Amino acid sequence: MAPTPLTLAETASVFGEMLTFRKLLEGAADKNERRAMLAAKVETCSTPWCGRSPFYSFERKLHIERREGELTSEKICDYG
């Protein structure tokens, strides 16, 4: 009954993304395209673990506050 940690919640989507990426990488037209794809992947590989935490915190605050009633756009902007 404990909440799912963010790292576990992201595991399935990251696994699916890597399967897709590997298939696309196999079909790269040449070495330059392959290098560009790999460089882009390296730049974004930390996003699921580092970049998602602020989103999770923001959404968690909203859901907790929403239990008390409707939220105004001003109130939502205060969480940002």
N, C-alpha and C. Protein backbone atom coordinates (compact mmCIF):
# COMPACT_ATOMS: atom_id res chain seq x y z
N MET A 1 0.81 -1.19 0.00
CA MET A 1 0.00 0.00 0.00
C MET A 1 0.86 1.26 0.00
N ALA A 2 2.14 1.13 -0.21
CA ALA A 2 3.04 2.28 -0.27
C ALA A 2 3.01 2.88 -1.67
N PRO A 3 3.24 4.19 -1.78
CA PRO A 3 3.28 4.81 -3.11
C PRO A 3 4.47 4.28 -3.92
N THR A 4 4.27 4.18 -5.20
CA THR A 4 5.33 3.69 -6.09
C THR A 4 6.41 4.76 -6.25
N PRO A 5 7.68 4.41 -6.05
CA PRO A 5 8.74 5.41 -6.25
C PRO A 5 8.87 5.77 -7.73
N LEU A 6 9.28 6.97 -7.98
CA LEU A 6 9.41 7.48 -9.35
C LEU A 6 10.30 6.60 -10.21
N THR A 7 11.39 6.11 -9.66
CA THR A 7 12.31 5.29 -10.46
C THR A 7 11.64 4.02 -10.95
N LEU A 8 10.82 3.41 -10.15
CA LEU A 8 10.11 2.21 -10.56
C LEU A 8 9.03 2.54 -11.59
N ALA A 9 8.35 3.64 -11.38
CA ALA A 9 7.29 4.05 -12.29
C ALA A 9 7.83 4.33 -13.69
N GLU A 10 9.04 4.80 -13.80
CA GLU A 10 9.63 5.15 -15.09
C GLU A 10 10.30 3.97 -15.78
N THR A 11 10.51 2.87 -15.09
CA THR A 11 11.25 1.75 -15.64
C THR A 11 10.64 1.20 -16.92
N ALA A 12 9.33 0.98 -16.93
CA ALA A 12 8.68 0.40 -18.11
C ALA A 12 8.79 1.32 -19.33
N SER A 13 8.57 2.62 -19.13
CA SER A 13 8.64 3.52 -20.28
C SER A 13 10.06 3.64 -20.81
N VAL A 14 11.04 3.67 -19.94
CA VAL A 14 12.44 3.75 -20.38
C VAL A 14 12.82 2.46 -21.13
N PHE A 15 12.37 1.32 -20.65
CA PHE A 15 12.64 0.05 -21.32
C PHE A 15 12.07 0.07 -22.74
N GLY A 16 10.82 0.52 -22.87
CA GLY A 16 10.20 0.62 -24.19
C GLY A 16 10.91 1.59 -25.11
N GLU A 17 11.32 2.71 -24.56
CA GLU A 17 12.06 3.69 -25.36
C GLU A 17 13.38 3.12 -25.86
N MET A 18 14.07 2.37 -25.03
CA MET A 18 15.36 1.79 -25.45
C MET A 18 15.17 0.72 -26.52
N LEU A 19 14.12 -0.08 -26.40
CA LEU A 19 13.85 -1.06 -27.46
C LEU A 19 13.63 -0.35 -28.80
N THR A 20 12.83 0.70 -28.77
CA THR A 20 12.55 1.46 -29.99
C THR A 20 13.82 2.11 -30.52
N PHE A 21 14.60 2.72 -29.62
CA PHE A 21 15.83 3.39 -30.03
C PHE A 21 16.80 2.40 -30.69
N ARG A 22 16.96 1.25 -30.10
CA ARG A 22 17.88 0.26 -30.68
C ARG A 22 17.45 -0.16 -32.08
N LYS A 23 16.15 -0.32 -32.28
CA LYS A 23 15.65 -0.68 -33.60
C LYS A 23 15.92 0.43 -34.61
N LEU A 24 15.69 1.67 -34.20
CA LEU A 24 15.97 2.80 -35.08
C LEU A 24 17.47 2.93 -35.38
N LEU A 25 18.28 2.67 -34.37
CA LEU A 25 19.72 2.76 -34.53
C LEU A 25 20.22 1.72 -35.54
N GLU A 26 19.64 0.54 -35.52
CA GLU A 26 20.00 -0.50 -36.50
C GLU A 26 19.73 -0.05 -37.93
N GLY A 27 18.71 0.79 -38.09
CA GLY A 27 18.33 1.24 -39.43
C GLY A 27 18.96 2.55 -39.84
N ALA A 28 19.91 3.04 -39.05
CA ALA A 28 20.57 4.31 -39.40
C ALA A 28 21.21 4.21 -40.77
N ALA A 29 21.09 5.27 -41.54
CA ALA A 29 21.57 5.28 -42.93
C ALA A 29 23.09 5.19 -43.03
N ASP A 30 23.80 5.85 -42.11
CA ASP A 30 25.26 5.86 -42.17
C ASP A 30 25.84 6.15 -40.80
N LYS A 31 27.17 6.22 -40.72
CA LYS A 31 27.84 6.45 -39.43
C LYS A 31 27.50 7.81 -38.84
N ASN A 32 27.34 8.82 -39.68
CA ASN A 32 27.02 10.16 -39.17
C ASN A 32 25.64 10.18 -38.52
N GLU A 33 24.68 9.53 -39.15
CA GLU A 33 23.34 9.47 -38.56
C GLU A 33 23.38 8.69 -37.24
N ARG A 34 24.11 7.61 -37.23
CA ARG A 34 24.24 6.79 -36.02
C ARG A 34 24.89 7.60 -34.88
N ARG A 35 25.94 8.33 -35.21
CA ARG A 35 26.61 9.16 -34.19
C ARG A 35 25.68 10.24 -33.66
N ALA A 36 24.91 10.86 -34.54
CA ALA A 36 23.97 11.90 -34.11
C ALA A 36 22.91 11.31 -33.19
N MET A 37 22.42 10.14 -33.53
CA MET A 37 21.41 9.49 -32.69
C MET A 37 21.98 9.13 -31.33
N LEU A 38 23.18 8.60 -31.31
CA LEU A 38 23.82 8.24 -30.04
C LEU A 38 24.11 9.47 -29.18
N ALA A 39 24.56 10.55 -29.81
CA ALA A 39 24.83 11.79 -29.07
C ALA A 39 23.55 12.34 -28.45
N ALA A 40 22.46 12.30 -29.20
CA ALA A 40 21.18 12.78 -28.67
C ALA A 40 20.72 11.91 -27.51
N LYS A 41 20.92 10.62 -27.61
CA LYS A 41 20.52 9.70 -26.54
C LYS A 41 21.32 9.96 -25.28
N VAL A 42 22.63 10.17 -25.42
CA VAL A 42 23.48 10.46 -24.26
C VAL A 42 23.01 11.74 -23.56
N GLU A 43 22.66 12.76 -24.34
CA GLU A 43 22.21 14.03 -23.76
C GLU A 43 20.91 13.88 -22.98
N THR A 44 20.06 12.97 -23.40
CA THR A 44 18.75 12.86 -22.76
C THR A 44 18.62 11.68 -21.81
N CYS A 45 19.67 10.89 -21.63
CA CYS A 45 19.54 9.67 -20.82
C CYS A 45 19.25 9.94 -19.35
N SER A 46 19.62 11.09 -18.83
CA SER A 46 19.35 11.37 -17.42
C SER A 46 17.98 11.98 -17.18
N THR A 47 17.26 12.34 -18.22
CA THR A 47 15.96 12.99 -18.05
C THR A 47 14.97 12.19 -17.22
N PRO A 48 14.79 10.90 -17.48
CA PRO A 48 13.80 10.18 -16.69
C PRO A 48 14.09 10.19 -15.19
N TRP A 49 15.35 10.22 -14.82
CA TRP A 49 15.67 10.14 -13.39
C TRP A 49 15.84 11.51 -12.75
N CYS A 50 16.35 12.46 -13.47
CA CYS A 50 16.60 13.78 -12.88
C CYS A 50 15.53 14.80 -13.29
N GLY A 51 15.18 14.82 -14.54
CA GLY A 51 14.26 15.84 -15.04
C GLY A 51 12.82 15.63 -14.65
N ARG A 52 12.44 14.42 -14.31
CA ARG A 52 11.04 14.14 -13.97
C ARG A 52 10.70 14.47 -12.53
N SER A 53 11.68 14.53 -11.67
CA SER A 53 11.42 14.80 -10.25
C SER A 53 10.66 16.09 -10.00
N PRO A 54 11.04 17.20 -10.67
CA PRO A 54 10.25 18.43 -10.47
C PRO A 54 8.80 18.29 -10.93
N PHE A 55 8.59 17.55 -12.03
CA PHE A 55 7.22 17.33 -12.50
C PHE A 55 6.42 16.54 -11.47
N TYR A 56 7.04 15.52 -10.91
CA TYR A 56 6.38 14.70 -9.91
C TYR A 56 6.00 15.54 -8.70
N SER A 57 6.93 16.35 -8.21
CA SER A 57 6.66 17.20 -7.04
C SER A 57 5.51 18.17 -7.31
N PHE A 58 5.52 18.78 -8.49
CA PHE A 58 4.46 19.71 -8.87
C PHE A 58 3.10 19.01 -8.90
N GLU A 59 3.05 17.87 -9.58
CA GLU A 59 1.78 17.15 -9.69
C GLU A 59 1.30 16.65 -8.33
N ARG A 60 2.21 16.21 -7.50
CA ARG A 60 1.84 15.72 -6.16
C ARG A 60 1.20 16.85 -5.34
N LYS A 61 1.79 18.04 -5.36
CA LYS A 61 1.22 19.18 -4.65
C LYS A 61 -0.18 19.50 -5.15
N LEU A 62 -0.34 19.47 -6.47
CA LEU A 62 -1.65 19.76 -7.05
C LEU A 62 -2.70 18.76 -6.61
N HIS A 63 -2.37 17.49 -6.65
CA HIS A 63 -3.34 16.46 -6.27
C HIS A 63 -3.71 16.55 -4.79
N ILE A 64 -2.75 16.86 -3.96
CA ILE A 64 -3.04 17.00 -2.53
C ILE A 64 -3.97 18.20 -2.30
N GLU A 65 -3.65 19.33 -2.91
CA GLU A 65 -4.49 20.53 -2.77
C GLU A 65 -5.87 20.34 -3.38
N ARG A 66 -5.94 19.59 -4.46
CA ARG A 66 -7.21 19.38 -5.16
C ARG A 66 -8.21 18.63 -4.29
N ARG A 67 -7.74 17.88 -3.34
CA ARG A 67 -8.63 17.18 -2.40
C ARG A 67 -9.49 18.15 -1.62
N GLU A 68 -8.98 19.35 -1.44
CA GLU A 68 -9.69 20.38 -0.67
C GLU A 68 -10.71 21.14 -1.52
N GLY A 69 -10.65 20.99 -2.83
CA GLY A 69 -11.59 21.68 -3.71
C GLY A 69 -10.92 22.16 -4.98
N GLU A 70 -11.68 22.93 -5.76
CA GLU A 70 -11.19 23.45 -7.04
C GLU A 70 -9.99 24.37 -6.83
N LEU A 71 -9.10 24.36 -7.81
CA LEU A 71 -7.92 25.23 -7.77
C LEU A 71 -8.04 26.30 -8.84
N THR A 72 -7.69 27.51 -8.49
CA THR A 72 -7.68 28.59 -9.47
C THR A 72 -6.36 28.53 -10.26
N SER A 73 -6.34 29.18 -11.40
CA SER A 73 -5.11 29.21 -12.18
C SER A 73 -4.00 29.92 -11.41
N GLU A 74 -4.36 30.92 -10.61
CA GLU A 74 -3.36 31.63 -9.81
C GLU A 74 -2.72 30.69 -8.79
N LYS A 75 -3.57 29.87 -8.15
CA LYS A 75 -3.06 28.93 -7.15
C LYS A 75 -2.13 27.90 -7.80
N ILE A 76 -2.52 27.41 -8.98
CA ILE A 76 -1.69 26.44 -9.69
C ILE A 76 -0.34 27.07 -10.06
N CYS A 77 -0.36 28.32 -10.49
CA CYS A 77 0.89 29.00 -10.85
C CYS A 77 1.80 29.19 -9.64
N ASP A 78 1.23 29.28 -8.45
CA ASP A 78 2.04 29.41 -7.24
C ASP A 78 2.90 28.18 -6.99
N TYR A 79 2.50 27.03 -7.49
CA TYR A 79 3.27 25.80 -7.28
C TYR A 79 4.46 25.71 -8.20
N GLY A 80 4.49 26.47 -9.28
CA GLY A 80 5.55 26.39 -10.28
C GLY A 80 6.82 26.91 -9.86
